[in-house]
Amino acid sequence: MSKRTMLLLVIAGMAMIFAATSLQAGTTVEDTFKVITKEYKKRKKEAATLSHKKHAEDYGITCGECHHDKDGKPLTDLKMGDDVQRCVECHTKLKKDPKNKKDIMVLENAMHGNCIDCHKEVNKKAGDPKGRKGPAPASCAKCHPKKKK
C-alpha cells in the first residue's frame, strides 16, 4: 500500500471517529434551570424555575412539545441529551415593543405562551373550565415568587 493511500485511510478514520463522538456527545440537560437575563435581574420577582426532569419523567412531556424549529413545528425526534438551543438563542428580543406587545420573538412572550398555554390545558383537563386553577401553575405568583431580600 502506498504512503498516500495509507495517509488517506488514516485521515478518513480520524474523521469518522470525530464525527461519531460528536454525535454521541450531545449536551447535558440540567434537571432544573432559570432563564435569567440582565433585564430580568432588575425585576421584583424571581425568574421561573423549569424542571426538565419533572416534565420529561413525571409528566411524560416529550422534548418536541417545547422545542421547535424556525417555523414553530415541534422537533419530534429529540431525546434527552440531544444538542438543542435554549429559547433565548432564537427569541432574542428581551424587551417588549409597545407597538407589538405579542411579538413571539420576545423571550418573555415565547416562554409565557409555551408554558402558560400548556398549563392551562392541563388544568382544563383536570376540571377547571378557565384553566387557571389546578395541578399546573398558571398565575404569575406561582412561578415568579417575590425575591428574597
N, C-alpha and C. Protein backbone atom coordinates (compact mmCIF):
# COMPACT_ATOMS: atom_id res chain seq x y z
N MET A 1 0.85 -1.17 0.00
CA MET A 1 0.00 0.00 0.00
C MET A 1 0.90 1.24 0.00
N SER A 2 0.57 2.22 -0.82
CA SER A 2 1.40 3.41 -0.92
C SER A 2 1.23 4.31 0.31
N LYS A 3 2.19 5.18 0.52
CA LYS A 3 2.13 6.11 1.66
C LYS A 3 0.91 7.03 1.53
N ARG A 4 0.62 7.43 0.32
CA ARG A 4 -0.51 8.34 0.10
C ARG A 4 -1.83 7.65 0.47
N THR A 5 -2.02 6.41 0.05
CA THR A 5 -3.24 5.66 0.38
C THR A 5 -3.34 5.47 1.89
N MET A 6 -2.22 5.14 2.52
CA MET A 6 -2.21 4.95 3.97
C MET A 6 -2.58 6.25 4.68
N LEU A 7 -2.05 7.34 4.23
CA LEU A 7 -2.35 8.65 4.83
C LEU A 7 -3.84 8.98 4.68
N LEU A 8 -4.40 8.74 3.50
CA LEU A 8 -5.83 9.00 3.27
C LEU A 8 -6.71 8.12 4.16
N LEU A 9 -6.33 6.87 4.35
CA LEU A 9 -7.09 5.97 5.22
C LEU A 9 -7.04 6.44 6.68
N VAL A 10 -5.88 6.88 7.13
CA VAL A 10 -5.74 7.39 8.50
C VAL A 10 -6.60 8.65 8.68
N ILE A 11 -6.56 9.55 7.73
CA ILE A 11 -7.36 10.79 7.81
C ILE A 11 -8.85 10.46 7.81
N ALA A 12 -9.26 9.56 6.93
CA ALA A 12 -10.67 9.16 6.88
C ALA A 12 -11.10 8.51 8.19
N GLY A 13 -10.25 7.66 8.75
CA GLY A 13 -10.55 7.01 10.03
C GLY A 13 -10.69 8.03 11.15
N MET A 14 -9.79 9.00 11.20
CA MET A 14 -9.86 10.04 12.24
C MET A 14 -11.14 10.87 12.08
N ALA A 15 -11.50 11.18 10.85
CA ALA A 15 -12.71 11.96 10.60
C ALA A 15 -13.94 11.20 11.09
N MET A 16 -13.97 9.89 10.85
CA MET A 16 -15.10 9.07 11.30
C MET A 16 -15.17 9.03 12.83
N ILE A 17 -14.03 8.93 13.48
CA ILE A 17 -14.01 8.91 14.95
C ILE A 17 -14.54 10.23 15.50
N PHE A 18 -14.07 11.35 14.95
CA PHE A 18 -14.54 12.66 15.43
C PHE A 18 -16.04 12.82 15.18
N ALA A 19 -16.51 12.40 14.03
CA ALA A 19 -17.94 12.51 13.71
C ALA A 19 -18.77 11.66 14.66
N ALA A 20 -18.34 10.44 14.91
CA ALA A 20 -19.09 9.53 15.79
C ALA A 20 -19.13 10.05 17.22
N THR A 21 -18.01 10.55 17.73
CA THR A 21 -18.00 11.03 19.12
C THR A 21 -18.80 12.31 19.26
N SER A 22 -18.81 13.16 18.26
CA SER A 22 -19.59 14.39 18.36
C SER A 22 -21.09 14.09 18.31
N LEU A 23 -21.48 13.07 17.57
CA LEU A 23 -22.90 12.69 17.52
C LEU A 23 -23.36 12.11 18.84
N GLN A 24 -22.49 11.37 19.51
CA GLN A 24 -22.84 10.75 20.77
C GLN A 24 -22.77 11.72 21.93
N ALA A 25 -22.00 12.78 21.83
CA ALA A 25 -21.76 13.68 22.95
C ALA A 25 -23.02 14.40 23.39
N GLY A 26 -23.72 15.04 22.48
CA GLY A 26 -24.93 15.79 22.84
C GLY A 26 -24.62 16.86 23.87
N THR A 27 -25.62 17.20 24.66
CA THR A 27 -25.44 18.17 25.72
C THR A 27 -26.00 17.60 27.01
N THR A 28 -25.55 18.14 28.10
CA THR A 28 -26.07 17.74 29.38
C THR A 28 -27.34 18.53 29.64
N VAL A 29 -28.41 17.84 29.97
CA VAL A 29 -29.67 18.51 30.26
C VAL A 29 -29.73 18.71 31.77
N GLU A 30 -29.82 19.97 32.17
CA GLU A 30 -29.91 20.27 33.58
C GLU A 30 -31.26 19.79 34.11
N ASP A 31 -31.29 19.32 35.37
CA ASP A 31 -32.56 18.91 35.97
C ASP A 31 -33.50 20.10 36.08
N THR A 32 -32.97 21.24 36.52
CA THR A 32 -33.76 22.47 36.62
C THR A 32 -32.91 23.64 36.16
N PHE A 33 -33.57 24.67 35.66
CA PHE A 33 -32.84 25.89 35.32
C PHE A 33 -33.78 27.09 35.32
N LYS A 34 -33.18 28.28 35.41
CA LYS A 34 -33.91 29.54 35.34
C LYS A 34 -33.40 30.30 34.14
N VAL A 35 -34.30 30.99 33.47
CA VAL A 35 -33.89 31.86 32.37
C VAL A 35 -33.74 33.25 32.97
N ILE A 36 -32.50 33.65 33.17
CA ILE A 36 -32.25 34.95 33.79
C ILE A 36 -31.42 35.79 32.83
N THR A 37 -31.96 36.93 32.47
CA THR A 37 -31.25 37.86 31.61
C THR A 37 -30.87 39.08 32.44
N LYS A 38 -30.04 39.92 31.88
CA LYS A 38 -29.63 41.14 32.57
C LYS A 38 -30.86 41.97 32.94
N GLU A 39 -31.80 42.07 32.02
CA GLU A 39 -33.01 42.85 32.25
C GLU A 39 -33.85 42.25 33.36
N TYR A 40 -33.85 40.91 33.47
CA TYR A 40 -34.69 40.25 34.46
C TYR A 40 -34.19 40.51 35.87
N LYS A 41 -32.89 40.70 36.03
CA LYS A 41 -32.33 40.94 37.36
C LYS A 41 -32.89 42.20 38.00
N LYS A 42 -33.40 43.13 37.19
CA LYS A 42 -33.94 44.39 37.71
C LYS A 42 -35.36 44.23 38.25
N ARG A 43 -36.01 43.13 37.97
CA ARG A 43 -37.41 42.93 38.36
C ARG A 43 -37.55 42.56 39.83
N LYS A 44 -38.77 42.72 40.34
CA LYS A 44 -39.04 42.45 41.75
C LYS A 44 -39.35 40.98 42.02
N LYS A 45 -39.63 40.25 40.98
CA LYS A 45 -39.99 38.83 41.13
C LYS A 45 -38.85 37.95 40.63
N GLU A 46 -38.80 36.72 41.14
CA GLU A 46 -37.81 35.74 40.71
C GLU A 46 -38.14 35.24 39.30
N ALA A 47 -37.13 34.79 38.61
CA ALA A 47 -37.36 34.12 37.33
C ALA A 47 -37.98 32.75 37.63
N ALA A 48 -38.81 32.28 36.74
CA ALA A 48 -39.43 30.96 36.93
C ALA A 48 -38.38 29.87 36.80
N THR A 49 -38.55 28.82 37.58
CA THR A 49 -37.66 27.66 37.51
C THR A 49 -38.36 26.58 36.71
N LEU A 50 -37.68 26.07 35.71
CA LEU A 50 -38.23 24.98 34.89
C LEU A 50 -37.53 23.69 35.28
N SER A 51 -38.29 22.64 35.47
CA SER A 51 -37.71 21.33 35.76
C SER A 51 -37.87 20.42 34.55
N HIS A 52 -36.76 20.24 33.83
CA HIS A 52 -36.75 19.31 32.71
C HIS A 52 -37.12 17.91 33.18
N LYS A 53 -36.49 17.51 34.28
CA LYS A 53 -36.67 16.15 34.78
C LYS A 53 -38.13 15.85 35.10
N LYS A 54 -38.79 16.75 35.84
CA LYS A 54 -40.21 16.53 36.17
C LYS A 54 -41.06 16.47 34.91
N HIS A 55 -40.85 17.42 34.01
CA HIS A 55 -41.67 17.47 32.80
C HIS A 55 -41.49 16.21 31.95
N ALA A 56 -40.26 15.76 31.81
CA ALA A 56 -39.99 14.59 30.97
C ALA A 56 -40.37 13.28 31.66
N GLU A 57 -39.89 13.09 32.88
CA GLU A 57 -40.08 11.81 33.55
C GLU A 57 -41.44 11.69 34.25
N ASP A 58 -41.79 12.69 35.05
CA ASP A 58 -43.04 12.60 35.83
C ASP A 58 -44.29 12.87 35.00
N TYR A 59 -44.20 13.85 34.10
CA TYR A 59 -45.39 14.25 33.34
C TYR A 59 -45.44 13.65 31.94
N GLY A 60 -44.36 13.02 31.51
CA GLY A 60 -44.33 12.36 30.20
C GLY A 60 -44.37 13.31 29.02
N ILE A 61 -43.87 14.52 29.20
CA ILE A 61 -43.86 15.51 28.12
C ILE A 61 -42.64 15.27 27.24
N THR A 62 -42.85 15.21 25.95
CA THR A 62 -41.74 14.99 25.02
C THR A 62 -41.02 16.30 24.74
N CYS A 63 -39.78 16.20 24.31
CA CYS A 63 -38.96 17.39 24.03
C CYS A 63 -39.63 18.31 23.02
N GLY A 64 -40.24 17.72 22.00
CA GLY A 64 -40.85 18.48 20.92
C GLY A 64 -42.06 19.29 21.34
N GLU A 65 -42.60 19.03 22.52
CA GLU A 65 -43.73 19.84 22.98
C GLU A 65 -43.29 21.24 23.38
N CYS A 66 -42.00 21.42 23.64
CA CYS A 66 -41.46 22.75 23.95
C CYS A 66 -40.48 23.24 22.88
N HIS A 67 -39.63 22.34 22.42
CA HIS A 67 -38.59 22.71 21.44
C HIS A 67 -39.15 22.58 20.03
N HIS A 68 -38.89 23.60 19.22
CA HIS A 68 -39.45 23.63 17.87
C HIS A 68 -38.44 24.18 16.88
N ASP A 69 -38.76 24.04 15.59
CA ASP A 69 -37.89 24.57 14.55
C ASP A 69 -38.23 26.04 14.27
N LYS A 70 -37.58 26.61 13.28
CA LYS A 70 -37.77 28.03 12.97
C LYS A 70 -39.19 28.36 12.50
N ASP A 71 -39.94 27.34 12.10
CA ASP A 71 -41.32 27.54 11.64
C ASP A 71 -42.34 27.23 12.74
N GLY A 72 -41.85 26.92 13.95
CA GLY A 72 -42.73 26.62 15.06
C GLY A 72 -43.22 25.19 15.10
N LYS A 73 -42.68 24.34 14.22
CA LYS A 73 -43.08 22.93 14.20
C LYS A 73 -42.27 22.16 15.25
N PRO A 74 -42.93 21.29 16.02
CA PRO A 74 -42.23 20.54 17.08
C PRO A 74 -41.08 19.70 16.53
N LEU A 75 -40.00 19.66 17.29
CA LEU A 75 -38.87 18.80 16.95
C LEU A 75 -39.16 17.44 17.58
N THR A 76 -39.86 16.60 16.83
CA THR A 76 -40.38 15.35 17.38
C THR A 76 -39.34 14.26 17.55
N ASP A 77 -38.19 14.40 16.91
CA ASP A 77 -37.18 13.35 17.01
C ASP A 77 -36.14 13.59 18.10
N LEU A 78 -36.35 14.60 18.95
CA LEU A 78 -35.40 14.89 20.02
C LEU A 78 -35.53 13.88 21.16
N LYS A 79 -34.40 13.68 21.85
CA LYS A 79 -34.41 12.87 23.06
C LYS A 79 -33.44 13.51 24.06
N MET A 80 -33.57 13.16 25.33
CA MET A 80 -32.71 13.73 26.37
C MET A 80 -31.24 13.61 25.97
N GLY A 81 -30.52 14.70 26.11
CA GLY A 81 -29.10 14.71 25.81
C GLY A 81 -28.78 15.22 24.42
N ASP A 82 -29.80 15.36 23.55
CA ASP A 82 -29.55 15.91 22.22
C ASP A 82 -29.15 17.37 22.33
N ASP A 83 -28.38 17.83 21.38
CA ASP A 83 -27.92 19.21 21.35
C ASP A 83 -29.06 20.10 20.86
N VAL A 84 -29.62 20.92 21.75
CA VAL A 84 -30.69 21.85 21.37
C VAL A 84 -30.33 23.25 21.84
N GLN A 85 -30.94 24.22 21.20
CA GLN A 85 -30.71 25.59 21.60
C GLN A 85 -31.66 25.98 22.72
N ARG A 86 -31.20 26.89 23.56
CA ARG A 86 -32.08 27.45 24.58
C ARG A 86 -32.99 28.47 23.92
N CYS A 87 -34.11 28.75 24.55
CA CYS A 87 -35.10 29.67 23.99
C CYS A 87 -34.49 31.01 23.58
N VAL A 88 -33.63 31.55 24.45
CA VAL A 88 -33.06 32.87 24.23
C VAL A 88 -32.14 32.94 23.00
N GLU A 89 -31.71 31.82 22.49
CA GLU A 89 -30.85 31.83 21.31
C GLU A 89 -31.61 32.21 20.05
N CYS A 90 -32.92 31.97 20.04
CA CYS A 90 -33.75 32.36 18.88
C CYS A 90 -34.69 33.52 19.25
N HIS A 91 -35.25 33.44 20.42
CA HIS A 91 -36.16 34.50 20.90
C HIS A 91 -35.29 35.55 21.58
N THR A 92 -34.62 36.36 20.75
CA THR A 92 -33.54 37.22 21.22
C THR A 92 -33.96 38.59 21.73
N LYS A 93 -35.20 38.97 21.47
CA LYS A 93 -35.65 40.29 21.95
C LYS A 93 -35.95 40.17 23.43
N LEU A 94 -35.37 41.06 24.21
CA LEU A 94 -35.52 40.97 25.66
C LEU A 94 -36.47 42.01 26.23
N LYS A 95 -36.91 42.93 25.39
CA LYS A 95 -37.87 43.94 25.84
C LYS A 95 -39.05 43.95 24.88
N LYS A 96 -40.23 44.16 25.44
CA LYS A 96 -41.43 44.22 24.61
C LYS A 96 -41.51 45.56 23.88
N ASP A 97 -41.98 45.51 22.67
CA ASP A 97 -42.22 46.69 21.86
C ASP A 97 -43.66 47.14 22.13
N PRO A 98 -43.86 48.37 22.60
CA PRO A 98 -45.22 48.83 22.90
C PRO A 98 -46.17 48.73 21.69
N LYS A 99 -45.62 48.76 20.47
CA LYS A 99 -46.45 48.68 19.27
C LYS A 99 -46.79 47.23 18.90
N ASN A 100 -46.02 46.27 19.43
CA ASN A 100 -46.24 44.85 19.11
C ASN A 100 -46.02 44.03 20.38
N LYS A 101 -46.93 44.16 21.34
CA LYS A 101 -46.75 43.54 22.65
C LYS A 101 -46.75 42.02 22.63
N LYS A 102 -47.27 41.41 21.56
CA LYS A 102 -47.35 39.95 21.49
C LYS A 102 -46.28 39.33 20.58
N ASP A 103 -45.26 40.11 20.23
CA ASP A 103 -44.19 39.64 19.36
C ASP A 103 -43.57 38.36 19.93
N ILE A 104 -43.67 37.26 19.20
CA ILE A 104 -43.20 35.96 19.65
C ILE A 104 -41.67 35.88 19.72
N MET A 105 -40.97 36.82 19.09
CA MET A 105 -39.52 36.83 19.17
C MET A 105 -39.02 37.40 20.50
N VAL A 106 -39.94 37.97 21.29
CA VAL A 106 -39.60 38.45 22.63
C VAL A 106 -39.56 37.21 23.54
N LEU A 107 -38.45 37.02 24.23
CA LEU A 107 -38.25 35.84 25.06
C LEU A 107 -39.41 35.63 26.05
N GLU A 108 -39.80 36.67 26.72
CA GLU A 108 -40.89 36.55 27.71
C GLU A 108 -42.18 36.05 27.07
N ASN A 109 -42.51 36.56 25.90
CA ASN A 109 -43.73 36.12 25.20
C ASN A 109 -43.64 34.64 24.81
N ALA A 110 -42.48 34.24 24.32
CA ALA A 110 -42.30 32.85 23.91
C ALA A 110 -42.43 31.92 25.12
N MET A 111 -41.77 32.27 26.21
CA MET A 111 -41.82 31.43 27.41
C MET A 111 -43.24 31.38 27.97
N HIS A 112 -43.85 32.55 28.13
CA HIS A 112 -45.21 32.59 28.68
C HIS A 112 -46.19 31.84 27.79
N GLY A 113 -46.09 32.04 26.49
CA GLY A 113 -47.01 31.36 25.58
C GLY A 113 -46.86 29.85 25.67
N ASN A 114 -45.65 29.38 25.69
CA ASN A 114 -45.40 27.95 25.74
C ASN A 114 -45.84 27.36 27.08
N CYS A 115 -45.38 27.94 28.16
CA CYS A 115 -45.66 27.39 29.50
C CYS A 115 -47.12 27.58 29.93
N ILE A 116 -47.58 28.81 29.89
CA ILE A 116 -48.92 29.10 30.41
C ILE A 116 -50.01 28.41 29.58
N ASP A 117 -49.89 28.43 28.27
CA ASP A 117 -50.90 27.76 27.43
C ASP A 117 -50.98 26.27 27.76
N CYS A 118 -49.83 25.63 27.93
CA CYS A 118 -49.80 24.20 28.25
C CYS A 118 -50.39 23.97 29.64
N HIS A 119 -50.00 24.79 30.61
CA HIS A 119 -50.50 24.64 31.97
C HIS A 119 -52.02 24.82 32.03
N LYS A 120 -52.53 25.78 31.27
CA LYS A 120 -53.99 25.99 31.24
C LYS A 120 -54.71 24.77 30.67
N GLU A 121 -54.13 24.15 29.64
CA GLU A 121 -54.74 22.95 29.05
C GLU A 121 -54.77 21.81 30.08
N VAL A 122 -53.69 21.67 30.82
CA VAL A 122 -53.64 20.63 31.86
C VAL A 122 -54.74 20.88 32.89
N ASN A 123 -54.90 22.12 33.31
CA ASN A 123 -55.91 22.47 34.31
C ASN A 123 -57.33 22.29 33.79
N LYS A 124 -57.54 22.58 32.51
CA LYS A 124 -58.87 22.36 31.91
C LYS A 124 -59.21 20.87 31.93
N LYS A 125 -58.22 20.05 31.58
CA LYS A 125 -58.45 18.59 31.59
C LYS A 125 -58.71 18.08 33.01
N ALA A 126 -58.18 18.84 34.01
CA ALA A 126 -58.38 18.44 35.40
C ALA A 126 -59.70 18.96 35.97
N GLY A 127 -60.45 19.75 35.17
CA GLY A 127 -61.78 20.17 35.61
C GLY A 127 -62.04 21.66 35.72
N ASP A 128 -61.03 22.51 35.59
CA ASP A 128 -61.26 23.95 35.66
C ASP A 128 -61.52 24.48 34.25
N PRO A 129 -62.74 24.96 33.97
CA PRO A 129 -63.06 25.39 32.60
C PRO A 129 -62.21 26.55 32.10
N LYS A 130 -61.71 27.39 33.00
CA LYS A 130 -60.87 28.53 32.58
C LYS A 130 -59.38 28.17 32.56
N GLY A 131 -59.02 27.07 33.19
CA GLY A 131 -57.63 26.62 33.18
C GLY A 131 -56.71 27.36 34.11
N ARG A 132 -57.25 28.12 35.02
CA ARG A 132 -56.40 28.93 35.91
C ARG A 132 -56.05 28.21 37.21
N LYS A 133 -56.91 27.28 37.62
CA LYS A 133 -56.67 26.56 38.87
C LYS A 133 -56.58 25.08 38.59
N GLY A 134 -55.64 24.44 39.24
CA GLY A 134 -55.46 23.01 39.03
C GLY A 134 -54.04 22.61 39.35
N PRO A 135 -53.62 21.46 38.87
CA PRO A 135 -52.28 20.95 39.21
C PRO A 135 -51.12 21.74 38.58
N ALA A 136 -51.37 22.41 37.48
CA ALA A 136 -50.29 23.14 36.80
C ALA A 136 -50.39 24.63 37.11
N PRO A 137 -49.30 25.25 37.58
CA PRO A 137 -49.36 26.68 37.91
C PRO A 137 -49.62 27.53 36.67
N ALA A 138 -50.59 28.45 36.78
CA ALA A 138 -50.93 29.30 35.63
C ALA A 138 -51.07 30.76 36.05
N SER A 139 -50.62 31.10 37.24
CA SER A 139 -50.68 32.50 37.67
C SER A 139 -49.25 33.01 37.89
N CYS A 140 -49.09 34.31 37.84
CA CYS A 140 -47.75 34.92 37.95
C CYS A 140 -47.02 34.47 39.22
N ALA A 141 -47.70 34.63 40.38
CA ALA A 141 -47.05 34.38 41.67
C ALA A 141 -46.64 32.92 41.87
N LYS A 142 -47.33 31.99 41.21
CA LYS A 142 -46.98 30.57 41.37
C LYS A 142 -45.61 30.26 40.77
N CYS A 143 -45.27 30.92 39.69
CA CYS A 143 -43.98 30.67 39.02
C CYS A 143 -42.93 31.73 39.34
N HIS A 144 -43.40 32.91 39.70
CA HIS A 144 -42.48 34.03 39.95
C HIS A 144 -42.66 34.55 41.38
N PRO A 145 -42.07 33.87 42.38
CA PRO A 145 -42.20 34.36 43.76
C PRO A 145 -41.43 35.67 43.95
N LYS A 146 -41.77 36.39 45.01
CA LYS A 146 -41.03 37.61 45.33
C LYS A 146 -39.57 37.27 45.64
N LYS A 147 -38.67 38.17 45.26
CA LYS A 147 -37.25 37.95 45.54
C LYS A 147 -37.01 38.06 47.04
N LYS A 148 -36.13 37.21 47.52
CA LYS A 148 -35.75 37.25 48.94
C LYS A 148 -34.76 38.38 49.15
N LYS A 149 -34.96 39.09 50.22
CA LYS A 149 -34.06 40.24 50.49
C LYS A 149 -32.86 39.85 51.26
